[in-house]
Amino acid sequence: MRFDYIIFDFDGTVADTGMGVKNAVKYALSEHGIPVGDESKLDYFIGPPLYEGFEHVYGVSPELANSLVDSYRVYYAEKGVYECSVYPGTMELLKFLKQSGAKIAVASSKPKHFLDVVVPYIGASEYFDFIVGPELKNHNSNKSVLITKSMELMGAEDKSKVIMLGDRKYDIEGAHEVGIQAVGIEYGYGTREELLSSGADYIATNVNELKNILL
C-alpha cells in the first residue's frame, strides 16, 4: 500500500446520495414557496454545506437559509437519508483496504447525525475506523478542520502516508490546506475541470482506477 491512512468524503465518493439530497432540497423550497427552477442547479447541494447551497444557488438571506435547512432535514431524516446507493466496487475496495491494514475514515460536510444513520444503512460500518462530520447546527463545516480531526483520530503523523478522496473542490483544497495529497473522484458530482483546477494530485474515473492509485 502506498498510503496507510485513507480519508473518504461520503456524498459523491462512497455513495450516490443525489436523489435524497435533491428531494430534500425540493421539499424545503416548496415549504417556503420558492420555485425550484432549473433542476440541474440542485447538483450544487451535493458536497458543500447546505447553508452555503441555499445562499449560493437561490440567493436567500442567512436567516432564510437556516429555515430552509430546518425544512430540508425534516424530509431528509425521514426519507432522504435512505435514498442513496453505493458506487459499484466501493464496498469491495473498502474491504480490500481494511484487510491490507489501512486505517480508514470518513470526513464529510454531511452532519455526523446523518452519517451515523447512512453508514450502517449501506453496510459499511465495519470498514470505517472513524466517522467525522459537523454537528447539526455547525454552519461552517470547514473541510480542512474535518480532515485534521480525522488524521488526529487515526494517529496519522506522517502526512506522506495520508490521502483524501473526494469529488468536489472542497475535498481537494481542504486536503492541501493540511498538507496531504488528494484524489479527485470524477464519478461523483464534481467535474474534471473543477477537480483539476483545484489541484487534485490524481483523478480517478472509476473505482478500479482509484484502487490502482492507492496501491
N, C-alpha and C. Protein backbone atom coordinates (compact mmCIF):
# COMPACT_ATOMS: atom_id res chain seq x y z
N MET A 1 0.84 -1.20 0.00
CA MET A 1 0.00 0.00 0.00
C MET A 1 0.88 1.25 0.00
N ARG A 2 0.48 2.20 -0.82
CA ARG A 2 1.20 3.48 -0.87
C ARG A 2 0.83 4.36 0.32
N PHE A 3 -0.42 4.20 0.81
CA PHE A 3 -0.92 5.05 1.90
C PHE A 3 -1.42 4.18 3.05
N ASP A 4 -1.14 4.62 4.26
CA ASP A 4 -1.58 3.89 5.45
C ASP A 4 -2.88 4.45 6.02
N TYR A 5 -3.19 5.70 5.66
CA TYR A 5 -4.36 6.38 6.21
C TYR A 5 -5.16 6.97 5.04
N ILE A 6 -6.40 6.53 4.93
CA ILE A 6 -7.21 6.93 3.78
C ILE A 6 -8.50 7.57 4.28
N ILE A 7 -8.74 8.79 3.81
CA ILE A 7 -9.90 9.56 4.25
C ILE A 7 -10.87 9.72 3.07
N PHE A 8 -12.08 9.26 3.25
CA PHE A 8 -13.11 9.35 2.22
C PHE A 8 -14.08 10.50 2.51
N ASP A 9 -14.38 11.28 1.50
CA ASP A 9 -15.60 12.07 1.52
C ASP A 9 -16.74 11.05 1.43
N PHE A 10 -17.97 11.46 1.69
CA PHE A 10 -19.07 10.48 1.60
C PHE A 10 -19.95 10.70 0.38
N ASP A 11 -20.67 11.82 0.35
CA ASP A 11 -21.56 12.10 -0.78
C ASP A 11 -20.76 12.24 -2.06
N GLY A 12 -21.09 11.45 -3.06
CA GLY A 12 -20.39 11.55 -4.33
C GLY A 12 -19.05 10.85 -4.37
N THR A 13 -18.72 10.15 -3.29
CA THR A 13 -17.45 9.43 -3.24
C THR A 13 -17.67 7.98 -2.80
N VAL A 14 -18.30 7.80 -1.65
CA VAL A 14 -18.67 6.45 -1.21
C VAL A 14 -20.03 6.07 -1.81
N ALA A 15 -20.96 7.01 -1.72
CA ALA A 15 -22.33 6.72 -2.17
C ALA A 15 -22.89 7.85 -3.01
N ASP A 16 -23.77 7.48 -3.93
CA ASP A 16 -24.51 8.45 -4.71
C ASP A 16 -25.74 8.82 -3.89
N THR A 17 -25.67 9.95 -3.24
CA THR A 17 -26.75 10.40 -2.35
C THR A 17 -27.62 11.46 -3.03
N GLY A 18 -27.44 11.62 -4.33
CA GLY A 18 -28.09 12.71 -5.05
C GLY A 18 -29.60 12.73 -4.94
N MET A 19 -30.24 11.57 -5.07
CA MET A 19 -31.70 11.55 -5.04
C MET A 19 -32.24 12.09 -3.73
N GLY A 20 -31.69 11.61 -2.61
CA GLY A 20 -32.18 12.05 -1.31
C GLY A 20 -31.93 13.52 -1.05
N VAL A 21 -30.74 13.99 -1.43
CA VAL A 21 -30.39 15.40 -1.23
C VAL A 21 -31.31 16.29 -2.06
N LYS A 22 -31.48 15.96 -3.33
CA LYS A 22 -32.29 16.79 -4.22
C LYS A 22 -33.75 16.79 -3.79
N ASN A 23 -34.27 15.63 -3.41
CA ASN A 23 -35.66 15.57 -2.96
C ASN A 23 -35.87 16.41 -1.70
N ALA A 24 -34.88 16.39 -0.82
CA ALA A 24 -34.99 17.18 0.41
C ALA A 24 -34.91 18.67 0.12
N VAL A 25 -34.06 19.06 -0.82
CA VAL A 25 -33.98 20.47 -1.21
C VAL A 25 -35.31 20.92 -1.80
N LYS A 26 -35.88 20.11 -2.70
CA LYS A 26 -37.15 20.47 -3.33
C LYS A 26 -38.27 20.57 -2.29
N TYR A 27 -38.24 19.66 -1.32
CA TYR A 27 -39.23 19.73 -0.24
C TYR A 27 -39.10 21.04 0.53
N ALA A 28 -37.88 21.40 0.89
CA ALA A 28 -37.65 22.64 1.65
C ALA A 28 -38.10 23.86 0.86
N LEU A 29 -37.78 23.89 -0.41
CA LEU A 29 -38.17 25.03 -1.24
C LEU A 29 -39.69 25.14 -1.34
N SER A 30 -40.36 24.00 -1.50
CA SER A 30 -41.82 24.02 -1.62
C SER A 30 -42.46 24.50 -0.32
N GLU A 31 -41.87 24.13 0.81
CA GLU A 31 -42.39 24.56 2.11
C GLU A 31 -42.30 26.08 2.28
N HIS A 32 -41.39 26.71 1.54
CA HIS A 32 -41.20 28.15 1.65
C HIS A 32 -41.67 28.90 0.41
N GLY A 33 -42.37 28.19 -0.48
CA GLY A 33 -42.93 28.84 -1.65
C GLY A 33 -41.90 29.35 -2.65
N ILE A 34 -40.74 28.69 -2.70
CA ILE A 34 -39.67 29.10 -3.61
C ILE A 34 -39.63 28.13 -4.79
N PRO A 35 -39.73 28.63 -6.03
CA PRO A 35 -39.67 27.73 -7.20
C PRO A 35 -38.30 27.06 -7.31
N VAL A 36 -38.31 25.79 -7.70
CA VAL A 36 -37.06 25.06 -7.86
C VAL A 36 -36.26 25.60 -9.03
N GLY A 37 -36.95 25.90 -10.12
CA GLY A 37 -36.26 26.38 -11.32
C GLY A 37 -35.52 25.25 -12.02
N ASP A 38 -34.39 25.57 -12.59
CA ASP A 38 -33.57 24.60 -13.32
C ASP A 38 -33.05 23.54 -12.35
N GLU A 39 -33.51 22.31 -12.50
CA GLU A 39 -33.14 21.27 -11.54
C GLU A 39 -31.67 20.89 -11.60
N SER A 40 -30.99 21.23 -12.69
CA SER A 40 -29.55 20.93 -12.75
C SER A 40 -28.78 21.70 -11.68
N LYS A 41 -29.36 22.79 -11.19
CA LYS A 41 -28.71 23.57 -10.14
C LYS A 41 -28.63 22.80 -8.83
N LEU A 42 -29.48 21.79 -8.68
CA LEU A 42 -29.53 21.05 -7.43
C LEU A 42 -28.28 20.21 -7.20
N ASP A 43 -27.53 19.94 -8.26
CA ASP A 43 -26.27 19.19 -8.10
C ASP A 43 -25.31 19.92 -7.17
N TYR A 44 -25.43 21.25 -7.12
CA TYR A 44 -24.53 22.03 -6.28
C TYR A 44 -24.63 21.64 -4.82
N PHE A 45 -25.80 21.15 -4.42
CA PHE A 45 -26.04 20.86 -3.00
C PHE A 45 -25.34 19.59 -2.52
N ILE A 46 -24.82 18.81 -3.46
CA ILE A 46 -24.20 17.54 -3.07
C ILE A 46 -22.72 17.77 -2.83
N GLY A 47 -22.37 17.98 -1.58
CA GLY A 47 -20.98 18.23 -1.21
C GLY A 47 -20.81 19.41 -0.27
N PRO A 48 -21.13 20.63 -0.73
CA PRO A 48 -20.94 21.80 0.14
C PRO A 48 -21.91 21.81 1.31
N PRO A 49 -21.64 22.60 2.34
CA PRO A 49 -22.61 22.76 3.42
C PRO A 49 -23.94 23.28 2.89
N LEU A 50 -25.03 22.81 3.47
CA LEU A 50 -26.37 23.18 2.98
C LEU A 50 -26.62 24.68 3.03
N TYR A 51 -26.18 25.32 4.11
CA TYR A 51 -26.41 26.75 4.24
C TYR A 51 -25.82 27.49 3.04
N GLU A 52 -24.62 27.11 2.68
CA GLU A 52 -23.96 27.72 1.53
C GLU A 52 -24.74 27.45 0.25
N GLY A 53 -25.26 26.22 0.12
CA GLY A 53 -26.00 25.86 -1.07
C GLY A 53 -27.22 26.74 -1.28
N PHE A 54 -28.03 26.91 -0.25
CA PHE A 54 -29.23 27.73 -0.38
C PHE A 54 -28.89 29.19 -0.65
N GLU A 55 -27.86 29.70 0.02
CA GLU A 55 -27.47 31.09 -0.19
C GLU A 55 -26.90 31.30 -1.59
N HIS A 56 -26.07 30.35 -2.05
CA HIS A 56 -25.41 30.50 -3.34
C HIS A 56 -26.37 30.27 -4.51
N VAL A 57 -27.14 29.20 -4.46
CA VAL A 57 -27.99 28.83 -5.60
C VAL A 57 -29.26 29.68 -5.66
N TYR A 58 -29.87 29.96 -4.51
CA TYR A 58 -31.15 30.66 -4.50
C TYR A 58 -31.06 32.08 -3.97
N GLY A 59 -29.89 32.52 -3.59
CA GLY A 59 -29.68 33.91 -3.20
C GLY A 59 -30.47 34.35 -1.99
N VAL A 60 -30.73 33.43 -1.07
CA VAL A 60 -31.53 33.76 0.11
C VAL A 60 -30.64 34.34 1.21
N SER A 61 -31.27 34.96 2.18
CA SER A 61 -30.55 35.51 3.33
C SER A 61 -30.09 34.38 4.24
N PRO A 62 -29.09 34.65 5.09
CA PRO A 62 -28.67 33.63 6.05
C PRO A 62 -29.82 33.15 6.93
N GLU A 63 -30.72 34.06 7.29
CA GLU A 63 -31.84 33.70 8.14
C GLU A 63 -32.78 32.72 7.43
N LEU A 64 -33.08 33.03 6.16
CA LEU A 64 -33.95 32.14 5.39
C LEU A 64 -33.24 30.82 5.11
N ALA A 65 -31.93 30.88 4.89
CA ALA A 65 -31.17 29.64 4.67
C ALA A 65 -31.30 28.72 5.88
N ASN A 66 -31.25 29.29 7.08
CA ASN A 66 -31.42 28.49 8.30
C ASN A 66 -32.76 27.78 8.31
N SER A 67 -33.80 28.51 7.94
CA SER A 67 -35.15 27.94 7.94
C SER A 67 -35.28 26.86 6.86
N LEU A 68 -34.67 27.10 5.70
CA LEU A 68 -34.70 26.11 4.62
C LEU A 68 -33.97 24.83 5.04
N VAL A 69 -32.86 24.98 5.73
CA VAL A 69 -32.11 23.80 6.19
C VAL A 69 -32.94 23.00 7.19
N ASP A 70 -33.65 23.71 8.06
CA ASP A 70 -34.51 23.01 9.02
C ASP A 70 -35.57 22.19 8.29
N SER A 71 -36.18 22.77 7.26
CA SER A 71 -37.19 22.05 6.47
C SER A 71 -36.56 20.89 5.71
N TYR A 72 -35.40 21.13 5.14
CA TYR A 72 -34.66 20.08 4.44
C TYR A 72 -34.49 18.86 5.34
N ARG A 73 -34.12 19.10 6.57
CA ARG A 73 -33.80 17.99 7.46
C ARG A 73 -35.03 17.22 7.92
N VAL A 74 -36.20 17.85 7.86
CA VAL A 74 -37.43 17.13 8.16
C VAL A 74 -37.60 15.99 7.15
N TYR A 75 -37.46 16.32 5.86
CA TYR A 75 -37.59 15.30 4.82
C TYR A 75 -36.41 14.34 4.86
N TYR A 76 -35.21 14.89 5.00
CA TYR A 76 -34.01 14.05 4.90
C TYR A 76 -33.95 13.01 6.00
N ALA A 77 -34.36 13.39 7.21
CA ALA A 77 -34.32 12.45 8.33
C ALA A 77 -35.31 11.30 8.13
N GLU A 78 -36.47 11.60 7.52
CA GLU A 78 -37.50 10.58 7.36
C GLU A 78 -37.27 9.71 6.14
N LYS A 79 -36.84 10.33 5.01
CA LYS A 79 -36.74 9.59 3.75
C LYS A 79 -35.39 9.77 3.05
N GLY A 80 -34.94 10.99 2.96
CA GLY A 80 -33.81 11.31 2.09
C GLY A 80 -32.53 10.58 2.41
N VAL A 81 -32.25 10.38 3.68
CA VAL A 81 -31.00 9.73 4.07
C VAL A 81 -30.91 8.31 3.52
N TYR A 82 -32.07 7.70 3.27
CA TYR A 82 -32.09 6.33 2.75
C TYR A 82 -32.13 6.27 1.22
N GLU A 83 -32.32 7.40 0.57
CA GLU A 83 -32.41 7.44 -0.89
C GLU A 83 -31.00 7.59 -1.48
N CYS A 84 -30.25 6.51 -1.43
CA CYS A 84 -28.87 6.54 -1.89
C CYS A 84 -28.45 5.15 -2.35
N SER A 85 -27.34 5.09 -3.05
CA SER A 85 -26.79 3.81 -3.48
C SER A 85 -25.27 3.89 -3.48
N VAL A 86 -24.62 2.80 -3.12
CA VAL A 86 -23.16 2.76 -3.08
C VAL A 86 -22.62 2.63 -4.50
N TYR A 87 -21.55 3.36 -4.80
CA TYR A 87 -20.95 3.25 -6.13
C TYR A 87 -20.40 1.83 -6.35
N PRO A 88 -20.60 1.29 -7.54
CA PRO A 88 -20.14 -0.08 -7.84
C PRO A 88 -18.65 -0.26 -7.54
N GLY A 89 -18.34 -1.32 -6.81
CA GLY A 89 -16.96 -1.64 -6.48
C GLY A 89 -16.45 -1.01 -5.20
N THR A 90 -17.21 -0.08 -4.63
CA THR A 90 -16.72 0.64 -3.45
C THR A 90 -16.63 -0.26 -2.22
N MET A 91 -17.62 -1.10 -2.01
CA MET A 91 -17.59 -1.97 -0.84
C MET A 91 -16.42 -2.95 -0.93
N GLU A 92 -16.17 -3.45 -2.13
CA GLU A 92 -15.04 -4.35 -2.33
C GLU A 92 -13.71 -3.63 -2.06
N LEU A 93 -13.63 -2.37 -2.49
CA LEU A 93 -12.42 -1.58 -2.23
C LEU A 93 -12.23 -1.37 -0.73
N LEU A 94 -13.30 -1.02 -0.03
CA LEU A 94 -13.20 -0.81 1.41
C LEU A 94 -12.74 -2.09 2.12
N LYS A 95 -13.29 -3.22 1.72
CA LYS A 95 -12.89 -4.49 2.30
C LYS A 95 -11.41 -4.77 2.05
N PHE A 96 -10.97 -4.51 0.82
CA PHE A 96 -9.56 -4.72 0.47
C PHE A 96 -8.65 -3.82 1.30
N LEU A 97 -9.01 -2.56 1.43
CA LEU A 97 -8.19 -1.61 2.19
C LEU A 97 -8.11 -2.03 3.66
N LYS A 98 -9.23 -2.46 4.19
CA LYS A 98 -9.26 -2.88 5.60
C LYS A 98 -8.38 -4.11 5.80
N GLN A 99 -8.48 -5.07 4.90
CA GLN A 99 -7.67 -6.28 5.00
C GLN A 99 -6.19 -6.00 4.80
N SER A 100 -5.88 -4.91 4.10
CA SER A 100 -4.48 -4.53 3.86
C SER A 100 -3.87 -3.80 5.04
N GLY A 101 -4.69 -3.51 6.05
CA GLY A 101 -4.17 -2.87 7.26
C GLY A 101 -4.26 -1.36 7.29
N ALA A 102 -4.89 -0.77 6.27
CA ALA A 102 -5.03 0.69 6.27
C ALA A 102 -6.06 1.13 7.30
N LYS A 103 -5.85 2.32 7.85
CA LYS A 103 -6.88 2.94 8.68
C LYS A 103 -7.72 3.81 7.76
N ILE A 104 -9.04 3.75 7.95
CA ILE A 104 -9.96 4.40 7.03
C ILE A 104 -10.94 5.27 7.81
N ALA A 105 -11.14 6.49 7.31
CA ALA A 105 -12.08 7.40 7.96
C ALA A 105 -12.97 8.06 6.92
N VAL A 106 -14.11 8.56 7.38
CA VAL A 106 -14.96 9.44 6.59
C VAL A 106 -14.80 10.83 7.15
N ALA A 107 -14.60 11.80 6.25
CA ALA A 107 -14.61 13.22 6.64
C ALA A 107 -15.57 13.92 5.68
N SER A 108 -16.75 14.22 6.15
CA SER A 108 -17.82 14.73 5.29
C SER A 108 -18.46 15.96 5.88
N SER A 109 -18.94 16.85 5.01
CA SER A 109 -19.70 18.00 5.49
C SER A 109 -21.13 17.62 5.83
N LYS A 110 -21.53 16.39 5.51
CA LYS A 110 -22.82 15.89 5.97
C LYS A 110 -22.78 15.77 7.48
N PRO A 111 -23.79 16.26 8.19
CA PRO A 111 -23.77 16.18 9.65
C PRO A 111 -23.54 14.76 10.15
N LYS A 112 -22.78 14.64 11.22
CA LYS A 112 -22.47 13.31 11.75
C LYS A 112 -23.74 12.55 12.14
N HIS A 113 -24.76 13.29 12.55
CA HIS A 113 -26.03 12.66 12.90
C HIS A 113 -26.53 11.79 11.76
N PHE A 114 -26.43 12.29 10.52
CA PHE A 114 -26.90 11.53 9.36
C PHE A 114 -25.87 10.50 8.90
N LEU A 115 -24.60 10.80 9.05
CA LEU A 115 -23.57 9.81 8.72
C LEU A 115 -23.74 8.57 9.59
N ASP A 116 -24.08 8.78 10.84
CA ASP A 116 -24.25 7.66 11.76
C ASP A 116 -25.47 6.80 11.42
N VAL A 117 -26.35 7.35 10.60
CA VAL A 117 -27.50 6.58 10.11
C VAL A 117 -27.16 5.88 8.80
N VAL A 118 -26.56 6.62 7.86
CA VAL A 118 -26.40 6.10 6.50
C VAL A 118 -25.25 5.11 6.37
N VAL A 119 -24.18 5.28 7.13
CA VAL A 119 -23.06 4.33 7.01
C VAL A 119 -23.49 2.92 7.41
N PRO A 120 -24.19 2.73 8.54
CA PRO A 120 -24.71 1.38 8.82
C PRO A 120 -25.75 0.93 7.80
N TYR A 121 -26.55 1.86 7.30
CA TYR A 121 -27.60 1.51 6.34
C TYR A 121 -27.02 0.88 5.07
N ILE A 122 -25.89 1.39 4.60
CA ILE A 122 -25.28 0.82 3.39
C ILE A 122 -24.38 -0.37 3.71
N GLY A 123 -24.23 -0.70 4.99
CA GLY A 123 -23.45 -1.87 5.38
C GLY A 123 -21.96 -1.64 5.44
N ALA A 124 -21.52 -0.39 5.71
CA ALA A 124 -20.09 -0.08 5.67
C ALA A 124 -19.47 0.19 7.04
N SER A 125 -20.23 0.00 8.10
CA SER A 125 -19.71 0.34 9.44
C SER A 125 -18.42 -0.39 9.78
N GLU A 126 -18.31 -1.65 9.37
CA GLU A 126 -17.15 -2.45 9.75
C GLU A 126 -15.86 -1.98 9.09
N TYR A 127 -15.98 -1.17 8.05
CA TYR A 127 -14.78 -0.77 7.30
C TYR A 127 -14.19 0.56 7.76
N PHE A 128 -15.01 1.43 8.33
CA PHE A 128 -14.53 2.75 8.72
C PHE A 128 -14.13 2.75 10.20
N ASP A 129 -12.88 3.17 10.44
CA ASP A 129 -12.41 3.27 11.82
C ASP A 129 -13.00 4.49 12.52
N PHE A 130 -13.20 5.56 11.76
CA PHE A 130 -13.74 6.79 12.33
C PHE A 130 -14.66 7.46 11.32
N ILE A 131 -15.69 8.12 11.84
CA ILE A 131 -16.62 8.89 11.02
C ILE A 131 -16.67 10.30 11.56
N VAL A 132 -16.28 11.25 10.74
CA VAL A 132 -16.18 12.64 11.17
C VAL A 132 -17.09 13.52 10.32
N GLY A 133 -17.95 14.26 11.00
CA GLY A 133 -18.83 15.22 10.34
C GLY A 133 -19.20 16.30 11.33
N PRO A 134 -19.72 17.43 10.86
CA PRO A 134 -20.07 18.53 11.76
C PRO A 134 -21.33 18.24 12.56
N GLU A 135 -21.52 18.99 13.62
CA GLU A 135 -22.77 18.93 14.36
C GLU A 135 -23.87 19.58 13.52
N LEU A 136 -25.11 19.29 13.83
CA LEU A 136 -26.22 19.74 13.01
C LEU A 136 -26.27 21.26 12.84
N LYS A 137 -25.92 22.00 13.87
CA LYS A 137 -26.03 23.47 13.81
C LYS A 137 -24.72 24.14 13.43
N ASN A 138 -23.75 23.36 13.00
CA ASN A 138 -22.46 23.95 12.57
C ASN A 138 -22.60 24.46 11.14
N HIS A 139 -22.54 25.78 10.96
CA HIS A 139 -22.72 26.38 9.64
C HIS A 139 -21.44 26.34 8.81
N ASN A 140 -20.32 26.12 9.43
CA ASN A 140 -19.04 26.25 8.73
C ASN A 140 -18.65 24.97 8.00
N SER A 141 -18.52 23.89 8.72
CA SER A 141 -18.17 22.59 8.13
C SER A 141 -16.90 22.66 7.30
N ASN A 142 -15.91 23.42 7.77
CA ASN A 142 -14.66 23.57 7.03
C ASN A 142 -13.99 22.23 6.81
N LYS A 143 -13.70 21.90 5.54
CA LYS A 143 -13.20 20.56 5.22
C LYS A 143 -11.82 20.32 5.82
N SER A 144 -10.98 21.33 5.86
CA SER A 144 -9.65 21.13 6.42
C SER A 144 -9.73 20.79 7.91
N VAL A 145 -10.71 21.35 8.60
CA VAL A 145 -10.92 21.04 10.02
C VAL A 145 -11.36 19.59 10.18
N LEU A 146 -12.26 19.14 9.32
CA LEU A 146 -12.75 17.76 9.38
C LEU A 146 -11.64 16.76 9.05
N ILE A 147 -10.82 17.11 8.05
CA ILE A 147 -9.70 16.25 7.68
C ILE A 147 -8.68 16.17 8.81
N THR A 148 -8.39 17.31 9.41
CA THR A 148 -7.43 17.35 10.53
C THR A 148 -7.91 16.49 11.69
N LYS A 149 -9.20 16.57 11.99
CA LYS A 149 -9.75 15.76 13.08
C LYS A 149 -9.63 14.28 12.75
N SER A 150 -9.89 13.92 11.49
CA SER A 150 -9.77 12.53 11.08
C SER A 150 -8.35 12.02 11.26
N MET A 151 -7.39 12.84 10.87
CA MET A 151 -5.98 12.46 10.99
C MET A 151 -5.60 12.28 12.45
N GLU A 152 -6.08 13.15 13.30
CA GLU A 152 -5.78 13.05 14.73
C GLU A 152 -6.36 11.77 15.31
N LEU A 153 -7.59 11.44 14.95
CA LEU A 153 -8.23 10.22 15.45
C LEU A 153 -7.50 8.97 14.99
N MET A 154 -6.99 9.00 13.75
CA MET A 154 -6.30 7.84 13.20
C MET A 154 -4.85 7.76 13.66
N GLY A 155 -4.35 8.82 14.30
CA GLY A 155 -2.95 8.85 14.71
C GLY A 155 -2.01 9.00 13.54
N ALA A 156 -2.46 9.71 12.50
CA ALA A 156 -1.67 9.88 11.27
C ALA A 156 -0.72 11.06 11.42
N GLU A 157 0.53 10.76 11.74
CA GLU A 157 1.52 11.83 11.92
C GLU A 157 2.36 12.06 10.66
N ASP A 158 2.59 11.01 9.88
CA ASP A 158 3.36 11.14 8.64
C ASP A 158 2.39 11.49 7.51
N LYS A 159 2.38 12.75 7.12
CA LYS A 159 1.41 13.22 6.14
C LYS A 159 1.61 12.59 4.76
N SER A 160 2.81 12.09 4.49
CA SER A 160 3.05 11.45 3.20
C SER A 160 2.31 10.13 3.08
N LYS A 161 1.82 9.62 4.21
CA LYS A 161 1.11 8.34 4.22
C LYS A 161 -0.41 8.52 4.30
N VAL A 162 -0.86 9.77 4.12
CA VAL A 162 -2.28 10.08 4.24
C VAL A 162 -2.79 10.60 2.90
N ILE A 163 -4.01 10.20 2.52
CA ILE A 163 -4.60 10.73 1.29
C ILE A 163 -6.09 10.95 1.49
N MET A 164 -6.59 12.00 0.85
CA MET A 164 -8.02 12.34 0.89
C MET A 164 -8.65 11.99 -0.45
N LEU A 165 -9.84 11.41 -0.41
CA LEU A 165 -10.58 11.06 -1.62
C LEU A 165 -11.88 11.84 -1.64
N GLY A 166 -12.12 12.60 -2.69
CA GLY A 166 -13.35 13.37 -2.74
C GLY A 166 -13.69 13.86 -4.13
N ASP A 167 -14.96 14.21 -4.33
CA ASP A 167 -15.44 14.55 -5.67
C ASP A 167 -15.63 16.05 -5.90
N ARG A 168 -15.33 16.87 -4.90
CA ARG A 168 -15.52 18.31 -5.07
C ARG A 168 -14.26 19.08 -4.69
N LYS A 169 -14.21 20.33 -5.10
CA LYS A 169 -13.03 21.15 -4.84
C LYS A 169 -12.76 21.31 -3.35
N TYR A 170 -13.80 21.26 -2.54
CA TYR A 170 -13.65 21.42 -1.09
C TYR A 170 -12.76 20.30 -0.52
N ASP A 171 -12.90 19.11 -1.07
CA ASP A 171 -12.10 17.97 -0.61
C ASP A 171 -10.63 18.16 -0.98
N ILE A 172 -10.40 18.60 -2.22
CA ILE A 172 -9.03 18.78 -2.71
C ILE A 172 -8.35 19.93 -1.98
N GLU A 173 -9.02 21.05 -1.91
CA GLU A 173 -8.44 22.23 -1.27
C GLU A 173 -8.24 22.00 0.23
N GLY A 174 -9.19 21.32 0.87
CA GLY A 174 -9.05 21.02 2.29
C GLY A 174 -7.86 20.13 2.57
N ALA A 175 -7.66 19.14 1.71
CA ALA A 175 -6.50 18.24 1.86
C ALA A 175 -5.20 19.02 1.73
N HIS A 176 -5.10 19.86 0.73
CA HIS A 176 -3.87 20.62 0.52
C HIS A 176 -3.61 21.62 1.64
N GLU A 177 -4.68 22.16 2.22
CA GLU A 177 -4.52 23.09 3.33
C GLU A 177 -3.83 22.44 4.53
N VAL A 178 -4.05 21.14 4.70
CA VAL A 178 -3.43 20.45 5.84
C VAL A 178 -2.17 19.69 5.43
N GLY A 179 -1.80 19.79 4.14
CA GLY A 179 -0.52 19.23 3.69
C GLY A 179 -0.53 17.79 3.27
N ILE A 180 -1.70 17.29 2.80
CA ILE A 180 -1.75 15.92 2.30
C ILE A 180 -2.21 15.90 0.84
N GLN A 181 -2.02 14.76 0.17
CA GLN A 181 -2.43 14.61 -1.22
C GLN A 181 -3.93 14.30 -1.30
N ALA A 182 -4.46 14.48 -2.52
CA ALA A 182 -5.89 14.24 -2.71
C ALA A 182 -6.16 13.64 -4.07
N VAL A 183 -7.12 12.72 -4.09
CA VAL A 183 -7.61 12.12 -5.33
C VAL A 183 -8.96 12.74 -5.66
N GLY A 184 -9.11 13.25 -6.88
CA GLY A 184 -10.39 13.75 -7.34
C GLY A 184 -11.22 12.61 -7.89
N ILE A 185 -12.42 12.43 -7.36
CA ILE A 185 -13.30 11.34 -7.77
C ILE A 185 -14.21 11.86 -8.88
N GLU A 186 -13.90 11.48 -10.12
CA GLU A 186 -14.62 12.04 -11.26
C GLU A 186 -16.00 11.43 -11.43
N TYR A 187 -16.26 10.28 -10.83
CA TYR A 187 -17.57 9.66 -10.97
C TYR A 187 -18.58 10.20 -9.96
N GLY A 188 -18.17 11.20 -9.18
CA GLY A 188 -19.09 11.85 -8.26
C GLY A 188 -19.77 13.04 -8.90
N TYR A 189 -19.88 14.14 -8.15
CA TYR A 189 -20.65 15.29 -8.62
C TYR A 189 -19.81 16.49 -9.04
N GLY A 190 -18.50 16.40 -8.87
CA GLY A 190 -17.64 17.46 -9.36
C GLY A 190 -17.19 17.15 -10.78
N THR A 191 -16.94 18.18 -11.56
CA THR A 191 -16.46 17.96 -12.92
C THR A 191 -14.95 17.76 -12.91
N ARG A 192 -14.44 17.19 -13.99
CA ARG A 192 -12.99 17.02 -14.13
C ARG A 192 -12.29 18.38 -14.08
N GLU A 193 -12.93 19.37 -14.70
CA GLU A 193 -12.36 20.72 -14.69
C GLU A 193 -12.25 21.27 -13.27
N GLU A 194 -13.29 21.07 -12.47
CA GLU A 194 -13.27 21.53 -11.08
C GLU A 194 -12.16 20.85 -10.30
N LEU A 195 -12.02 19.55 -10.48
CA LEU A 195 -11.02 18.79 -9.74
C LEU A 195 -9.61 19.20 -10.14
N LEU A 196 -9.40 19.38 -11.43
CA LEU A 196 -8.06 19.77 -11.91
C LEU A 196 -7.72 21.20 -11.50
N SER A 197 -8.69 22.10 -11.59
CA SER A 197 -8.41 23.50 -11.25
C SER A 197 -8.17 23.68 -9.77
N SER A 198 -8.70 22.76 -8.95
CA SER A 198 -8.45 22.83 -7.51
C SER A 198 -7.16 22.13 -7.11
N GLY A 199 -6.48 21.52 -8.10
CA GLY A 199 -5.15 20.97 -7.86
C GLY A 199 -5.10 19.52 -7.45
N ALA A 200 -6.10 18.72 -7.85
CA ALA A 200 -6.09 17.29 -7.49
C ALA A 200 -4.78 16.63 -7.92
N ASP A 201 -4.19 15.85 -7.02
CA ASP A 201 -2.94 15.16 -7.33
C ASP A 201 -3.17 14.00 -8.27
N TYR A 202 -4.34 13.40 -8.19
CA TYR A 202 -4.72 12.29 -9.06
C TYR A 202 -6.20 12.45 -9.40
N ILE A 203 -6.61 11.84 -10.51
CA ILE A 203 -8.02 11.79 -10.88
C ILE A 203 -8.39 10.32 -11.09
N ALA A 204 -9.49 9.90 -10.46
CA ALA A 204 -9.99 8.52 -10.65
C ALA A 204 -11.33 8.59 -11.35
N THR A 205 -11.42 7.96 -12.52
CA THR A 205 -12.67 7.96 -13.27
C THR A 205 -13.57 6.78 -12.90
N ASN A 206 -13.02 5.83 -12.16
CA ASN A 206 -13.82 4.71 -11.66
C ASN A 206 -13.11 4.11 -10.45
N VAL A 207 -13.75 3.15 -9.79
CA VAL A 207 -13.20 2.59 -8.56
C VAL A 207 -11.93 1.81 -8.82
N ASN A 208 -11.83 1.12 -9.96
CA ASN A 208 -10.62 0.39 -10.28
C ASN A 208 -9.40 1.32 -10.39
N GLU A 209 -9.60 2.47 -11.03
CA GLU A 209 -8.51 3.45 -11.11
C GLU A 209 -8.15 3.95 -9.72
N LEU A 210 -9.15 4.15 -8.89
CA LEU A 210 -8.88 4.60 -7.52
C LEU A 210 -8.05 3.58 -6.76
N LYS A 211 -8.38 2.32 -6.90
CA LYS A 211 -7.60 1.26 -6.23
C LYS A 211 -6.16 1.27 -6.69
N ASN A 212 -5.95 1.43 -7.99
CA ASN A 212 -4.58 1.47 -8.53
C ASN A 212 -3.79 2.65 -7.99
N ILE A 213 -4.45 3.78 -7.84
CA ILE A 213 -3.79 4.97 -7.28
C ILE A 213 -3.36 4.70 -5.84
N LEU A 214 -4.24 4.10 -5.07
CA LEU A 214 -3.94 3.84 -3.66
C LEU A 214 -2.84 2.80 -3.49
N LEU A 215 -2.70 1.91 -4.47
CA LEU A 215 -1.65 0.89 -4.42
C LEU A 215 -0.31 1.44 -4.88
